[in-house]
Amino acid sequence: MFTPQKIIVLAITLVAVWLVWRVIERRNAAKVGKDQASPKMGQKAGHEEPVDLVQCSQCGNWTEGPCNRPGCLNKG
């Protein structure tokens, strides 16, 4: 039958298995997070905010503000 000693051993075993499972899951999550957090060209890791671009009426260049393309007549 179930004695108090067996119940305690079972509880300790379950807690130990649960703690090991948490450690493994954290390692896997950190590994996946590193793979996804590697910055792409021109981006900072974890910062993927949209940017409003404006097309220059003279040369057609897309920029965030005034056209900075060399040779463009529209500088402002």
N, C-alpha and C. Protein backbone atom coordinates (compact mmCIF):
# COMPACT_ATOMS: atom_id res chain seq x y z
N MET A 1 0.83 -1.18 0.00
CA MET A 1 0.00 0.00 0.00
C MET A 1 0.87 1.25 0.00
N PHE A 2 0.21 2.41 0.05
CA PHE A 2 0.96 3.67 0.03
C PHE A 2 1.34 4.07 1.45
N THR A 3 2.62 4.10 1.69
CA THR A 3 3.11 4.55 2.99
C THR A 3 3.55 6.00 2.86
N PRO A 4 3.65 6.73 3.94
CA PRO A 4 4.09 8.12 3.86
C PRO A 4 5.48 8.27 3.21
N GLN A 5 6.36 7.29 3.45
CA GLN A 5 7.69 7.35 2.85
C GLN A 5 7.60 7.26 1.31
N LYS A 6 6.75 6.37 0.81
CA LYS A 6 6.60 6.23 -0.64
C LYS A 6 6.00 7.48 -1.26
N ILE A 7 5.07 8.10 -0.59
CA ILE A 7 4.45 9.33 -1.10
C ILE A 7 5.47 10.46 -1.14
N ILE A 8 6.31 10.55 -0.10
CA ILE A 8 7.35 11.59 -0.06
C ILE A 8 8.37 11.36 -1.17
N VAL A 9 8.80 10.13 -1.37
CA VAL A 9 9.76 9.82 -2.42
C VAL A 9 9.16 10.12 -3.79
N LEU A 10 7.90 9.79 -3.99
CA LEU A 10 7.23 10.08 -5.25
C LEU A 10 7.15 11.59 -5.49
N ALA A 11 6.81 12.34 -4.46
CA ALA A 11 6.72 13.80 -4.58
C ALA A 11 8.09 14.40 -4.90
N ILE A 12 9.13 13.94 -4.25
CA ILE A 12 10.48 14.45 -4.52
C ILE A 12 10.90 14.12 -5.95
N THR A 13 10.58 12.91 -6.39
CA THR A 13 10.92 12.51 -7.76
C THR A 13 10.19 13.38 -8.78
N LEU A 14 8.92 13.64 -8.55
CA LEU A 14 8.15 14.48 -9.47
C LEU A 14 8.70 15.91 -9.52
N VAL A 15 9.04 16.46 -8.36
CA VAL A 15 9.61 17.81 -8.32
C VAL A 15 10.95 17.84 -9.04
N ALA A 16 11.77 16.83 -8.86
CA ALA A 16 13.08 16.78 -9.52
C ALA A 16 12.91 16.70 -11.05
N VAL A 17 11.99 15.86 -11.50
CA VAL A 17 11.74 15.75 -12.95
C VAL A 17 11.23 17.08 -13.49
N TRP A 18 10.34 17.74 -12.77
CA TRP A 18 9.80 19.02 -13.21
C TRP A 18 10.89 20.09 -13.30
N LEU A 19 11.79 20.12 -12.31
CA LEU A 19 12.89 21.10 -12.33
C LEU A 19 13.84 20.85 -13.50
N VAL A 20 14.17 19.59 -13.76
CA VAL A 20 15.04 19.27 -14.90
C VAL A 20 14.36 19.67 -16.20
N TRP A 21 13.06 19.42 -16.30
CA TRP A 21 12.30 19.79 -17.51
C TRP A 21 12.34 21.31 -17.73
N ARG A 22 12.19 22.09 -16.66
CA ARG A 22 12.25 23.55 -16.77
C ARG A 22 13.61 24.01 -17.27
N VAL A 23 14.69 23.42 -16.75
CA VAL A 23 16.04 23.79 -17.18
C VAL A 23 16.22 23.49 -18.67
N ILE A 24 15.76 22.34 -19.11
CA ILE A 24 15.88 21.97 -20.53
C ILE A 24 15.08 22.93 -21.40
N GLU A 25 13.86 23.27 -20.99
CA GLU A 25 13.03 24.18 -21.76
C GLU A 25 13.65 25.57 -21.83
N ARG A 26 14.23 26.04 -20.75
CA ARG A 26 14.88 27.36 -20.77
C ARG A 26 16.08 27.37 -21.71
N ARG A 27 16.86 26.30 -21.71
CA ARG A 27 18.01 26.22 -22.62
C ARG A 27 17.54 26.23 -24.07
N ASN A 28 16.50 25.46 -24.37
CA ASN A 28 15.98 25.43 -25.73
C ASN A 28 15.42 26.78 -26.14
N ALA A 29 14.71 27.46 -25.24
CA ALA A 29 14.15 28.76 -25.54
C ALA A 29 15.27 29.79 -25.77
N ALA A 30 16.33 29.72 -24.98
CA ALA A 30 17.45 30.64 -25.15
C ALA A 30 18.15 30.39 -26.48
N LYS A 31 18.27 29.14 -26.86
CA LYS A 31 18.91 28.81 -28.13
C LYS A 31 18.08 29.32 -29.29
N VAL A 32 16.78 29.11 -29.24
CA VAL A 32 15.89 29.59 -30.31
C VAL A 32 15.89 31.11 -30.32
N GLY A 33 15.89 31.73 -29.15
CA GLY A 33 15.92 33.19 -29.06
C GLY A 33 17.17 33.77 -29.67
N LYS A 34 18.32 33.13 -29.49
CA LYS A 34 19.56 33.60 -30.10
C LYS A 34 19.49 33.53 -31.61
N ASP A 35 18.93 32.44 -32.12
CA ASP A 35 18.83 32.27 -33.57
C ASP A 35 17.93 33.32 -34.17
N GLN A 36 16.82 33.64 -33.51
CA GLN A 36 15.87 34.61 -34.05
C GLN A 36 16.33 36.03 -33.81
N ALA A 37 17.15 36.27 -32.81
CA ALA A 37 17.54 37.62 -32.45
C ALA A 37 18.76 38.10 -33.24
N SER A 38 19.33 37.28 -34.10
CA SER A 38 20.48 37.74 -34.85
C SER A 38 20.03 38.85 -35.80
N PRO A 39 20.68 40.01 -35.70
CA PRO A 39 20.22 41.16 -36.48
C PRO A 39 20.42 40.95 -37.98
N LYS A 40 19.45 41.39 -38.75
CA LYS A 40 19.56 41.36 -40.19
C LYS A 40 20.17 42.67 -40.63
N MET A 41 20.50 42.77 -41.88
CA MET A 41 21.18 43.95 -42.39
C MET A 41 20.34 45.21 -42.12
N GLY A 42 20.91 46.15 -41.38
CA GLY A 42 20.25 47.41 -41.13
C GLY A 42 19.24 47.37 -39.99
N GLN A 43 19.14 46.30 -39.25
CA GLN A 43 18.18 46.20 -38.16
C GLN A 43 18.89 45.89 -36.86
N LYS A 44 18.33 46.40 -35.79
CA LYS A 44 18.80 46.03 -34.47
C LYS A 44 17.97 44.84 -34.01
N ALA A 45 18.57 43.99 -33.23
CA ALA A 45 17.87 42.79 -32.76
C ALA A 45 16.68 43.18 -31.90
N GLY A 46 15.52 42.63 -32.22
CA GLY A 46 14.33 42.85 -31.44
C GLY A 46 13.60 44.15 -31.71
N HIS A 47 14.10 45.00 -32.62
CA HIS A 47 13.46 46.27 -32.92
C HIS A 47 13.04 46.27 -34.38
N GLU A 48 11.81 45.89 -34.62
CA GLU A 48 11.32 45.83 -35.98
C GLU A 48 10.15 46.79 -36.15
N GLU A 49 10.42 48.08 -35.93
CA GLU A 49 9.38 49.08 -36.05
C GLU A 49 9.29 49.54 -37.50
N PRO A 50 8.09 49.79 -37.99
CA PRO A 50 7.95 50.27 -39.36
C PRO A 50 8.46 51.70 -39.51
N VAL A 51 8.91 52.03 -40.70
CA VAL A 51 9.44 53.35 -41.00
C VAL A 51 8.63 53.92 -42.16
N ASP A 52 8.17 55.17 -42.01
CA ASP A 52 7.45 55.83 -43.08
C ASP A 52 8.44 56.42 -44.06
N LEU A 53 8.35 56.02 -45.32
CA LEU A 53 9.23 56.51 -46.36
C LEU A 53 8.47 57.44 -47.29
N VAL A 54 9.20 58.42 -47.85
CA VAL A 54 8.63 59.39 -48.78
C VAL A 54 9.43 59.31 -50.07
N GLN A 55 8.73 59.30 -51.20
CA GLN A 55 9.41 59.23 -52.48
C GLN A 55 9.74 60.64 -52.96
N CYS A 56 10.99 60.86 -53.37
CA CYS A 56 11.43 62.15 -53.88
C CYS A 56 10.74 62.42 -55.21
N SER A 57 10.22 63.64 -55.36
CA SER A 57 9.51 63.99 -56.59
C SER A 57 10.45 64.21 -57.77
N GLN A 58 11.73 64.42 -57.52
CA GLN A 58 12.69 64.68 -58.58
C GLN A 58 13.36 63.40 -59.10
N CYS A 59 13.90 62.59 -58.17
CA CYS A 59 14.69 61.43 -58.60
C CYS A 59 14.00 60.09 -58.33
N GLY A 60 12.94 60.07 -57.52
CA GLY A 60 12.25 58.83 -57.24
C GLY A 60 12.85 58.01 -56.10
N ASN A 61 13.86 58.54 -55.43
CA ASN A 61 14.50 57.85 -54.31
C ASN A 61 13.58 57.84 -53.10
N TRP A 62 13.49 56.70 -52.40
CA TRP A 62 12.67 56.59 -51.19
C TRP A 62 13.55 56.86 -49.97
N THR A 63 13.17 57.84 -49.14
CA THR A 63 13.94 58.20 -47.95
C THR A 63 13.00 58.47 -46.78
N GLU A 64 13.59 58.57 -45.58
CA GLU A 64 12.80 58.87 -44.39
C GLU A 64 12.49 60.35 -44.28
N GLY A 65 13.30 61.20 -44.88
CA GLY A 65 13.11 62.64 -44.80
C GLY A 65 13.48 63.27 -46.13
N PRO A 66 14.18 64.42 -46.05
CA PRO A 66 14.62 65.06 -47.29
C PRO A 66 15.55 64.15 -48.10
N CYS A 67 15.52 64.31 -49.40
CA CYS A 67 16.35 63.47 -50.27
C CYS A 67 17.82 63.76 -50.04
N ASN A 68 18.60 62.72 -49.85
CA ASN A 68 20.03 62.88 -49.61
C ASN A 68 20.85 62.22 -50.71
N ARG A 69 20.21 61.93 -51.84
CA ARG A 69 20.90 61.29 -52.94
C ARG A 69 21.80 62.31 -53.64
N PRO A 70 23.05 61.96 -53.89
CA PRO A 70 23.96 62.90 -54.59
C PRO A 70 23.42 63.24 -55.98
N GLY A 71 23.44 64.53 -56.30
CA GLY A 71 23.02 64.97 -57.62
C GLY A 71 21.53 65.30 -57.71
N CYS A 72 20.77 65.04 -56.68
CA CYS A 72 19.35 65.33 -56.72
C CYS A 72 19.15 66.83 -56.45
N LEU A 73 18.24 67.43 -57.20
CA LEU A 73 17.98 68.86 -57.05
C LEU A 73 17.04 69.18 -55.88
N ASN A 74 16.32 68.17 -55.39
CA ASN A 74 15.35 68.35 -54.31
C ASN A 74 16.02 68.02 -52.98
N LYS A 75 16.63 69.00 -52.33
CA LYS A 75 17.34 68.78 -51.07
C LYS A 75 16.50 69.14 -49.85
N GLY A 76 15.30 69.54 -50.00
CA GLY A 76 14.54 69.96 -48.84
C GLY A 76 13.14 69.68 -48.92
